[in-house]
Amino acid sequence: MILLFAHSKHQGLNKNMESKLLKARKAKGFTQAYVAEQVGCTQTNISHIEIGRQRATPEIAQKLAELLGLSPMDILYPGNQTE
């Protein structure tokens, strides 16, 4: 099982990134459970990444990026993204 970094304050890391991850997943027609299975984590982990409660490890970020057509840097450093 791949561990993910928990965000200590349990607040959204970046509302824009949440939307970007969620939009990318939905645009592909993927469920959180499907994405979790593909990248090697749980559905709860995917949910928490989407709402900013957890940050993905570099390995998970790479897998998410490949699956969803995003940049790994956007996932790892959501505050540095541009829309």
C-alpha atoms as a PDB file:
ATOM      1  CA  MET A   1       0.000   0.000   0.000  1.00  0.00           C
ATOM      2  CA  ILE A   2       1.285   3.450  -0.913  1.00  0.00           C
ATOM      3  CA  LEU A   3       1.161   5.987   1.913  1.00  0.00           C
ATOM      4  CA  LEU A   4       0.087   9.534   1.280  1.00  0.00           C
ATOM      5  CA  PHE A   5       1.085  12.640   3.180  1.00  0.00           C
ATOM      6  CA  ALA A   6      -1.700  13.994   5.360  1.00  0.00           C
ATOM      7  CA  HIS A   7      -2.248  17.725   5.448  1.00  0.00           C
ATOM      8  CA  SER A   8      -2.045  18.601   9.117  1.00  0.00           C
ATOM      9  CA  LYS A   9      -4.717  21.321   9.217  1.00  0.00           C
ATOM     10  CA  HIS A  10      -7.219  19.284   7.172  1.00  0.00           C
ATOM     11  CA  GLN A  11      -7.981  22.290   5.019  1.00  0.00           C
ATOM     12  CA  GLY A  12      -7.998  22.398   1.250  1.00  0.00           C
ATOM     13  CA  LEU A  13      -4.488  22.730  -0.146  1.00  0.00           C
ATOM     14  CA  ASN A  14      -5.613  24.638  -3.207  1.00  0.00           C
ATOM     15  CA  LYS A  15      -9.169  25.049  -4.449  1.00  0.00           C
ATOM     16  CA  ASN A  16      -8.000  25.394  -8.074  1.00  0.00           C
ATOM     17  CA  MET A  17      -6.114  22.110  -7.953  1.00  0.00           C
ATOM     18  CA  GLU A  18      -9.052  20.342  -6.347  1.00  0.00           C
ATOM     19  CA  SER A  19     -11.159  21.451  -9.261  1.00  0.00           C
ATOM     20  CA  LYS A  20      -8.507  20.490 -11.799  1.00  0.00           C
ATOM     21  CA  LEU A  21      -8.117  16.966 -10.406  1.00  0.00           C
ATOM     22  CA  LEU A  22     -11.848  16.483 -10.074  1.00  0.00           C
ATOM     23  CA  LYS A  23     -12.551  17.886 -13.534  1.00  0.00           C
ATOM     24  CA  ALA A  24      -9.881  15.701 -15.118  1.00  0.00           C
ATOM     25  CA  ARG A  25     -11.223  12.571 -13.421  1.00  0.00           C
ATOM     26  CA  LYS A  26     -14.827  13.317 -14.352  1.00  0.00           C
ATOM     27  CA  ALA A  27     -13.906  14.310 -17.907  1.00  0.00           C
ATOM     28  CA  LYS A  28     -12.445  10.837 -18.374  1.00  0.00           C
ATOM     29  CA  GLY A  29     -15.545   9.278 -16.833  1.00  0.00           C
ATOM     30  CA  PHE A  30     -13.518   7.669 -14.050  1.00  0.00           C
ATOM     31  CA  THR A  31     -14.795   6.960 -10.560  1.00  0.00           C
ATOM     32  CA  GLN A  32     -12.618   7.575  -7.521  1.00  0.00           C
ATOM     33  CA  ALA A  33     -12.563   3.809  -6.964  1.00  0.00           C
ATOM     34  CA  TYR A  34     -11.276   3.192 -10.506  1.00  0.00           C
ATOM     35  CA  VAL A  35      -8.569   5.838 -10.181  1.00  0.00           C
ATOM     36  CA  ALA A  36      -7.528   4.435  -6.811  1.00  0.00           C
ATOM     37  CA  GLU A  37      -7.215   0.944  -8.249  1.00  0.00           C
ATOM     38  CA  GLN A  38      -5.133   2.209 -11.174  1.00  0.00           C
ATOM     39  CA  VAL A  39      -2.684   4.193  -9.035  1.00  0.00           C
ATOM     40  CA  GLY A  40      -2.432   1.805  -6.078  1.00  0.00           C
ATOM     41  CA  CYS A  41      -4.198   3.563  -3.222  1.00  0.00           C
ATOM     42  CA  THR A  42      -7.697   3.700  -1.731  1.00  0.00           C
ATOM     43  CA  GLN A  43     -10.794   5.550  -2.876  1.00  0.00           C
ATOM     44  CA  THR A  44     -10.620   7.528   0.367  1.00  0.00           C
ATOM     45  CA  ASN A  45      -7.086   8.633  -0.530  1.00  0.00           C
ATOM     46  CA  ILE A  46      -8.285   9.886  -3.923  1.00  0.00           C
ATOM     47  CA  SER A  47     -11.155  11.734  -2.277  1.00  0.00           C
ATOM     48  CA  HIS A  48      -8.779  13.355   0.196  1.00  0.00           C
ATOM     49  CA  ILE A  49      -6.361  14.375  -2.550  1.00  0.00           C
ATOM     50  CA  GLU A  50      -9.236  15.926  -4.526  1.00  0.00           C
ATOM     51  CA  ILE A  51     -10.426  17.978  -1.546  1.00  0.00           C
ATOM     52  CA  GLY A  52      -6.933  18.840  -0.348  1.00  0.00           C
ATOM     53  CA  ARG A  53      -6.817  16.800   2.869  1.00  0.00           C
ATOM     54  CA  GLN A  54      -3.788  14.819   1.658  1.00  0.00           C
ATOM     55  CA  ARG A  55      -0.919  15.323  -0.698  1.00  0.00           C
ATOM     56  CA  ALA A  56       0.079  12.531  -2.995  1.00  0.00           C
ATOM     57  CA  THR A  57       3.532  10.991  -2.832  1.00  0.00           C
ATOM     58  CA  PRO A  58       5.696  11.607  -5.897  1.00  0.00           C
ATOM     59  CA  GLU A  59       4.935   8.058  -7.083  1.00  0.00           C
ATOM     60  CA  ILE A  60       1.171   8.512  -6.775  1.00  0.00           C
ATOM     61  CA  ALA A  61       1.387  11.992  -8.321  1.00  0.00           C
ATOM     62  CA  GLN A  62       3.179  10.523 -11.352  1.00  0.00           C
ATOM     63  CA  LYS A  63       0.567   7.798 -11.740  1.00  0.00           C
ATOM     64  CA  LEU A  64      -2.303  10.278 -11.344  1.00  0.00           C
ATOM     65  CA  ALA A  65      -0.710  12.588 -13.889  1.00  0.00           C
ATOM     66  CA  GLU A  66      -0.329   9.811 -16.443  1.00  0.00           C
ATOM     67  CA  LEU A  67      -3.853   8.518 -15.887  1.00  0.00           C
ATOM     68  CA  LEU A  68      -5.561  11.927 -15.924  1.00  0.00           C
ATOM     69  CA  GLY A  69      -3.370  13.826 -18.385  1.00  0.00           C
ATOM     70  CA  LEU A  70      -2.039  16.298 -15.830  1.00  0.00           C
ATOM     71  CA  SER A  71       1.453  17.402 -14.861  1.00  0.00           C
ATOM     72  CA  PRO A  72       2.958  15.642 -11.821  1.00  0.00           C
ATOM     73  CA  MET A  73       4.179  19.062 -10.675  1.00  0.00           C
ATOM     74  CA  ASP A  74       0.579  20.335 -10.634  1.00  0.00           C
ATOM     75  CA  ILE A  75      -0.296  17.499  -8.276  1.00  0.00           C
ATOM     76  CA  LEU A  76       2.781  17.789  -6.072  1.00  0.00           C
ATOM     77  CA  TYR A  77       2.796  21.612  -5.934  1.00  0.00           C
ATOM     78  CA  PRO A  78      -0.790  22.747  -6.483  1.00  0.00           C
ATOM     79  CA  GLY A  79      -0.065  26.304  -5.302  1.00  0.00           C
ATOM     80  CA  ASN A  80       2.274  26.880  -8.252  1.00  0.00           C
ATOM     81  CA  GLN A  81      -0.211  26.030 -10.979  1.00  0.00           C
ATOM     82  CA  THR A  82      -1.792  28.355 -13.472  1.00  0.00           C
ATOM     83  CA  GLU A  83      -5.275  27.898 -14.930  1.00  0.00           C
END
